[in-house]
Amino acid sequence: MSHTHGHDGHDHHDFRRQSRSRLWFVFALALAYMSAEVVAGLYTGSLALLADAGHMLSDAAAIALALFAFWFASRPATHFKSYGYHRTEILATVVNALMLLCVSVFVVFTAFARLKHPPVVEALPVVWVALGGICVNLISVRALHSSAKQLLNVKGAYLEVLSDLFASVGVCGAALVMMFTHWYWVDPAISVVIGMLIIPRTWKLLSECVNILMEGTPSSINLHAVEDSIKKIEGVSEVHDLHVWTITSGLHAMSVHVTIKDDASNAQVLKCVSSMLKENFHITHSTIQIESVPCEDACSGCNGDACGIR
């Protein structure tokens, strides 16, 4: 049996460090602008603006949780936690997703209640605040975009910020409509639209996290393709007990039993399988059990003497 680990851990660590720095930057922006939105929302009476401030608060909380998860996940492995604390990042993402779902559902229900008796909203200040929100969120989305593609922990925070960008655009559009038409029902109506846009994205993120916690096969990996690729390697006779799962974002693990032919070299097959997994499927953490063809398949009439099983 052999364990193989990739030697690109340093690059992965650097990427995580850069992602953490970007999260701190976005966290500071979120806190600053959330304060401005709360004040403006209370002054103007805009539910959409207060809803956007609520999303900004959830942004800040999500980013704070992601930063905590980054720190906690960096703790070394122990005898009791042999994989370390990497799953902390996934748990943090689950909490972020649930929090965003709750905020979205609350905003939708509140907005439906307001549709019956929409209050008067001072539209001009809302426009200026919403425009500022668009700028802040565009900067934040750009800062987190590359990290969100590879790290679920950052993706949770990224979706929070992206949803807030949608909210800011919606608030700005609603304020412009109210300014020229005095249709104040547009304010709660746009809040409903914002909530309904956010919920499906968040649900998808939550499903990804649950799949990881259930040790399901990563969506980016085709298990049949992995098995077929191993079988094509010279010297391999059979592949069984193949399992692929995700420890945390960007870190997949695999275990497999590989039966080799009589004339095959254990070391050579192991080297080929490990290289293929890394190059074709980006799996750098693998446990490969090399097995020989059973005696009854490889020979006949030896009565077990040649195989040493008597």
Protein backbone atom coordinates (compact mmCIF):
# COMPACT_ATOMS: atom_id res chain seq x y z
CA MET A 1 0.00 0.00 0.00
CA SER A 2 1.27 3.45 -0.70
CA HIS A 3 0.23 6.99 0.09
CA THR A 4 1.05 9.79 -2.32
CA HIS A 5 0.82 13.50 -1.71
CA GLY A 6 1.32 16.34 -4.17
CA HIS A 7 4.28 18.67 -3.90
CA ASP A 8 2.24 21.73 -4.87
CA GLY A 9 1.11 22.43 -1.31
CA HIS A 10 3.22 25.59 -1.16
CA ASP A 11 1.34 27.14 -4.12
CA HIS A 12 -1.96 26.15 -2.54
CA HIS A 13 -0.91 27.77 0.73
CA ASP A 14 0.09 30.98 -1.08
CA PHE A 15 -3.26 31.08 -2.87
CA ARG A 16 -5.09 30.72 0.42
CA ARG A 17 -3.01 33.51 1.96
CA GLN A 18 -3.84 35.84 -0.94
CA SER A 19 -7.51 34.92 -0.62
CA ARG A 20 -7.43 35.72 3.09
CA SER A 21 -5.94 39.17 2.38
CA ARG A 22 -8.71 39.89 -0.13
CA LEU A 23 -11.32 38.83 2.40
CA TRP A 24 -9.95 41.32 4.96
CA PHE A 25 -10.16 44.10 2.37
CA VAL A 26 -13.76 43.24 1.45
CA PHE A 27 -14.66 42.90 5.14
CA ALA A 28 -13.55 46.48 5.83
CA LEU A 29 -15.53 47.79 2.83
CA ALA A 30 -18.67 45.91 3.91
CA LEU A 31 -18.61 47.25 7.45
CA ALA A 32 -18.08 50.83 6.33
CA TYR A 33 -20.82 50.82 3.75
CA MET A 34 -23.30 48.90 5.88
CA SER A 35 -23.18 51.72 8.44
CA ALA A 36 -23.95 54.28 5.74
CA GLU A 37 -26.89 52.23 4.41
CA VAL A 38 -28.48 51.80 7.83
CA VAL A 39 -28.41 55.54 8.45
CA ALA A 40 -29.74 56.33 4.95
CA GLY A 41 -32.43 53.64 5.15
CA LEU A 42 -33.78 54.94 8.45
CA TYR A 43 -33.71 58.53 7.17
CA THR A 44 -35.48 57.83 3.86
CA GLY A 45 -37.84 55.07 5.01
CA SER A 46 -36.71 52.75 2.19
CA LEU A 47 -37.24 49.05 2.93
CA ALA A 48 -35.13 48.12 -0.10
CA LEU A 49 -32.25 50.15 1.28
CA LEU A 50 -32.59 48.59 4.74
CA ALA A 51 -32.84 45.16 3.09
CA ASP A 52 -29.63 45.93 1.25
CA ALA A 53 -28.03 46.95 4.57
CA GLY A 54 -29.21 43.64 6.00
CA HIS A 55 -27.50 41.82 3.17
CA MET A 56 -24.38 43.91 3.78
CA LEU A 57 -24.49 42.86 7.43
CA SER A 58 -24.72 39.23 6.37
CA ASP A 59 -21.80 39.92 3.99
CA ALA A 60 -19.68 41.13 6.89
CA ALA A 61 -20.71 38.18 9.06
CA ALA A 62 -20.03 35.73 6.23
CA ILE A 63 -16.59 37.18 5.59
CA ALA A 64 -15.77 37.20 9.31
CA LEU A 65 -16.77 33.54 9.51
CA ALA A 66 -14.70 32.72 6.42
CA LEU A 67 -11.67 34.44 7.94
CA PHE A 68 -12.15 32.49 11.18
CA ALA A 69 -12.41 29.27 9.19
CA PHE A 70 -9.17 30.07 7.33
CA TRP A 71 -7.39 30.55 10.65
CA PHE A 72 -8.87 27.47 12.31
CA ALA A 73 -8.27 25.23 9.27
CA SER A 74 -4.56 26.11 9.34
CA ARG A 75 -4.11 24.30 12.67
CA PRO A 76 -1.92 21.18 12.35
CA ALA A 77 -3.33 17.66 12.26
CA THR A 78 -3.45 15.63 15.47
CA HIS A 79 -3.95 11.97 16.38
CA PHE A 80 -7.61 12.76 16.98
CA LYS A 81 -8.00 14.89 13.81
CA SER A 82 -5.78 13.10 11.30
CA TYR A 83 -6.90 15.30 8.40
CA GLY A 84 -6.50 18.43 10.48
CA TYR A 85 -9.25 21.04 10.64
CA HIS A 86 -9.82 21.62 6.92
CA ARG A 87 -13.53 20.78 7.19
CA THR A 88 -13.96 23.95 9.30
CA GLU A 89 -14.09 25.87 6.03
CA ILE A 90 -16.96 23.72 4.76
CA LEU A 91 -18.88 24.08 8.03
CA ALA A 92 -18.40 27.86 7.85
CA THR A 93 -19.80 27.84 4.31
CA VAL A 94 -22.87 25.90 5.49
CA VAL A 95 -23.50 28.50 8.21
CA ASN A 96 -23.07 31.33 5.68
CA ALA A 97 -25.50 29.73 3.25
CA LEU A 98 -28.12 29.15 5.94
CA MET A 99 -27.74 32.72 7.16
CA LEU A 100 -28.18 34.12 3.66
CA LEU A 101 -31.25 31.94 3.11
CA CYS A 102 -32.82 33.23 6.35
CA VAL A 103 -32.13 36.87 5.47
CA SER A 104 -33.56 36.40 1.96
CA VAL A 105 -36.72 34.69 3.20
CA PHE A 106 -37.24 37.39 5.84
CA VAL A 107 -36.88 40.18 3.27
CA VAL A 108 -39.33 38.48 0.89
CA PHE A 109 -42.00 38.04 3.58
CA THR A 110 -41.54 41.61 4.85
CA ALA A 111 -41.76 42.97 1.32
CA PHE A 112 -45.00 41.07 0.60
CA ALA A 113 -46.51 42.63 3.73
CA ARG A 114 -45.47 46.10 2.59
CA LEU A 115 -46.92 45.67 -0.91
CA LYS A 116 -50.42 46.22 0.51
CA HIS A 117 -49.55 49.57 2.09
CA PRO A 118 -46.27 50.84 0.64
CA PRO A 119 -44.82 53.79 2.61
CA VAL A 120 -43.58 57.00 1.02
CA VAL A 121 -39.85 56.86 0.25
CA GLU A 122 -37.45 59.78 -0.28
CA ALA A 123 -35.97 58.54 -3.52
CA LEU A 124 -33.04 60.87 -4.25
CA PRO A 125 -30.90 59.93 -1.20
CA VAL A 126 -31.64 56.28 -1.93
CA VAL A 127 -30.24 56.68 -5.45
CA TRP A 128 -26.96 58.12 -4.20
CA VAL A 129 -26.52 55.50 -1.50
CA ALA A 130 -27.38 52.67 -3.92
CA LEU A 131 -24.88 53.98 -6.48
CA GLY A 132 -22.22 53.91 -3.79
CA GLY A 133 -23.27 50.36 -2.94
CA ILE A 134 -22.89 49.30 -6.56
CA CYS A 135 -19.33 50.66 -6.63
CA VAL A 136 -18.39 49.01 -3.32
CA ASN A 137 -19.84 45.66 -4.34
CA LEU A 138 -18.24 45.72 -7.79
CA ILE A 139 -14.85 46.20 -6.13
CA SER A 140 -15.58 43.38 -3.69
CA VAL A 141 -16.84 40.99 -6.39
CA ARG A 142 -13.72 41.61 -8.46
CA ALA A 143 -11.48 41.04 -5.43
CA LEU A 144 -13.04 37.68 -4.57
CA HIS A 145 -13.86 36.33 -8.03
CA SER A 146 -10.72 34.23 -8.65
CA SER A 147 -10.65 32.77 -5.13
CA ALA A 148 -14.35 31.87 -5.25
CA LYS A 149 -13.72 29.55 -8.20
CA GLN A 150 -11.51 27.27 -6.12
CA LEU A 151 -12.45 27.73 -2.46
CA LEU A 152 -15.99 27.01 -1.26
CA ASN A 153 -15.32 29.01 1.89
CA VAL A 154 -14.63 32.11 -0.22
CA LYS A 155 -17.45 31.21 -2.60
CA GLY A 156 -19.92 31.54 0.29
CA ALA A 157 -18.70 35.06 1.01
CA TYR A 158 -18.55 35.83 -2.73
CA LEU A 159 -22.20 34.87 -3.21
CA GLU A 160 -23.10 37.12 -0.30
CA VAL A 161 -21.35 40.05 -1.97
CA LEU A 162 -22.76 39.20 -5.41
CA SER A 163 -26.28 39.09 -4.01
CA ASP A 164 -25.68 42.48 -2.42
CA LEU A 165 -24.57 43.83 -5.80
CA PHE A 166 -27.89 42.66 -7.28
CA ALA A 167 -29.65 44.30 -4.36
CA SER A 168 -27.86 47.62 -4.88
CA VAL A 169 -28.74 47.62 -8.58
CA GLY A 170 -32.35 46.84 -7.73
CA VAL A 171 -32.53 49.54 -5.07
CA CYS A 172 -31.10 52.13 -7.46
CA GLY A 173 -33.58 51.19 -10.19
CA ALA A 174 -36.50 51.24 -7.76
CA ALA A 175 -35.48 54.65 -6.43
CA LEU A 176 -35.31 56.11 -9.94
CA VAL A 177 -38.78 54.76 -10.74
CA MET A 178 -40.19 56.21 -7.49
CA MET A 179 -38.53 59.55 -8.14
CA PHE A 180 -40.32 60.07 -11.46
CA THR A 181 -43.59 58.13 -10.95
CA HIS A 182 -44.18 58.04 -7.16
CA TRP A 183 -44.96 54.33 -7.48
CA TYR A 184 -43.81 53.46 -3.97
CA TRP A 185 -44.89 49.84 -4.30
CA VAL A 186 -41.80 49.36 -6.48
CA ASP A 187 -39.61 49.49 -3.34
CA PRO A 188 -40.98 46.31 -1.69
CA ALA A 189 -41.50 44.69 -5.11
CA ILE A 190 -37.82 44.95 -5.96
CA SER A 191 -37.01 43.48 -2.54
CA VAL A 192 -39.03 40.37 -3.47
CA VAL A 193 -37.14 40.05 -6.76
CA ILE A 194 -33.78 40.38 -4.99
CA GLY A 195 -34.68 37.67 -2.50
CA MET A 196 -35.90 35.30 -5.21
CA LEU A 197 -32.67 35.76 -7.19
CA ILE A 198 -30.48 34.93 -4.20
CA ILE A 199 -32.24 31.82 -2.87
CA PRO A 200 -31.46 29.41 -5.80
CA ARG A 201 -27.73 30.30 -5.82
CA THR A 202 -27.50 29.84 -2.07
CA TRP A 203 -29.33 26.52 -2.21
CA LYS A 204 -26.84 25.24 -4.80
CA LEU A 205 -23.92 26.24 -2.58
CA LEU A 206 -25.52 24.51 0.39
CA SER A 207 -25.98 21.34 -1.68
CA GLU A 208 -22.27 21.36 -2.59
CA CYS A 209 -21.33 21.60 1.09
CA VAL A 210 -23.65 18.76 2.09
CA ASN A 211 -22.15 16.58 -0.66
CA ILE A 212 -18.68 17.19 0.80
CA LEU A 213 -19.79 16.46 4.36
CA MET A 214 -21.42 13.22 3.12
CA GLU A 215 -18.10 12.38 1.39
CA GLY A 216 -19.79 12.27 -1.99
CA THR A 217 -17.81 12.17 -5.22
CA PRO A 218 -16.80 15.72 -6.26
CA SER A 219 -18.94 17.07 -9.09
CA SER A 220 -15.78 17.87 -11.09
CA ILE A 221 -14.63 14.22 -11.13
CA ASN A 222 -16.12 11.38 -13.17
CA LEU A 223 -15.54 8.20 -11.16
CA HIS A 224 -15.95 5.97 -14.23
CA ALA A 225 -13.34 8.00 -16.08
CA VAL A 226 -10.90 7.60 -13.17
CA GLU A 227 -11.43 3.84 -13.14
CA ASP A 228 -11.03 3.53 -16.92
CA SER A 229 -7.83 5.61 -16.85
CA ILE A 230 -6.28 3.38 -14.18
CA LYS A 231 -7.23 0.22 -16.12
CA LYS A 232 -5.44 1.56 -19.23
CA ILE A 233 -2.12 1.67 -17.38
CA GLU A 234 0.21 -1.14 -18.44
CA GLY A 235 0.32 -3.96 -15.92
CA VAL A 236 -3.07 -3.25 -14.33
CA SER A 237 -5.48 -6.18 -14.32
CA GLU A 238 -8.38 -4.93 -12.21
CA VAL A 239 -9.56 -1.89 -10.23
CA HIS A 240 -11.96 -2.07 -7.28
CA ASP A 241 -12.92 -0.30 -4.03
CA LEU A 242 -12.43 3.08 -5.72
CA HIS A 243 -13.48 6.09 -3.65
CA VAL A 244 -12.95 9.81 -4.28
CA TRP A 245 -14.01 12.51 -1.85
CA THR A 246 -13.25 16.11 -0.92
CA ILE A 247 -11.47 17.07 2.30
CA THR A 248 -11.88 20.79 1.65
CA SER A 249 -12.06 23.04 -1.41
CA GLY A 250 -9.28 22.22 -3.86
CA LEU A 251 -8.13 19.16 -1.88
CA HIS A 252 -9.50 15.86 -3.16
CA ALA A 253 -8.56 12.47 -1.73
CA MET A 254 -8.78 9.00 -3.25
CA SER A 255 -8.36 5.39 -2.19
CA VAL A 256 -8.28 2.42 -4.55
CA HIS A 257 -7.26 -1.25 -4.77
CA VAL A 258 -5.32 -2.05 -7.96
CA THR A 259 -4.73 -5.68 -8.97
CA ILE A 260 -1.66 -6.08 -11.19
CA LYS A 261 -0.50 -8.82 -13.54
CA ASP A 262 2.22 -11.34 -12.61
CA ASP A 263 4.93 -9.69 -14.68
CA ALA A 264 4.11 -6.13 -13.62
CA SER A 265 6.27 -4.06 -11.28
CA ASN A 266 4.54 -2.77 -8.13
CA ALA A 267 6.67 0.36 -8.04
CA GLN A 268 6.18 1.17 -11.73
CA VAL A 269 2.39 0.72 -11.62
CA LEU A 270 2.17 2.82 -8.47
CA LYS A 271 4.23 5.60 -10.05
CA CYS A 272 2.11 5.59 -13.23
CA VAL A 273 -1.20 5.61 -11.34
CA SER A 274 -0.08 8.47 -9.06
CA SER A 275 1.19 10.58 -11.97
CA MET A 276 -1.96 9.98 -14.01
CA LEU A 277 -4.23 10.98 -11.10
CA LYS A 278 -2.34 14.21 -10.57
CA GLU A 279 -2.13 15.19 -14.24
CA ASN A 280 -5.60 14.15 -15.42
CA PHE A 281 -7.76 14.65 -12.33
CA HIS A 282 -5.71 16.94 -10.04
CA ILE A 283 -5.84 14.35 -7.24
CA THR A 284 -2.65 14.73 -5.21
CA HIS A 285 -3.69 12.88 -2.04
CA SER A 286 -4.17 9.20 -2.84
CA THR A 287 -3.94 5.85 -1.09
CA ILE A 288 -3.26 3.03 -3.56
CA GLN A 289 -3.36 -0.62 -2.49
CA ILE A 290 -1.39 -2.79 -4.92
CA GLU A 291 -2.57 -6.41 -5.06
CA SER A 292 -1.38 -9.46 -7.00
CA VAL A 293 -3.66 -11.70 -9.05
CA PRO A 294 -5.14 -14.35 -6.67
CA CYS A 295 -3.38 -17.75 -6.73
CA GLU A 296 -6.36 -19.61 -8.17
CA ASP A 297 -6.41 -17.18 -11.12
CA ALA A 298 -2.67 -17.06 -11.69
CA CYS A 299 -1.78 -20.74 -11.44
CA SER A 300 -3.35 -24.18 -11.44
CA GLY A 301 -2.33 -27.39 -9.75
CA CYS A 302 0.14 -25.79 -7.31
CA ASN A 303 -2.05 -26.65 -4.33
CA GLY A 304 -0.93 -23.41 -2.77
CA ASP A 305 2.75 -24.40 -2.48
CA ALA A 306 4.05 -21.82 -4.94
CA CYS A 307 2.02 -19.06 -3.38
CA GLY A 308 2.98 -19.89 0.16
CA ILE A 309 -0.59 -20.15 1.41
CA ARG A 310 -0.46 -23.72 2.78
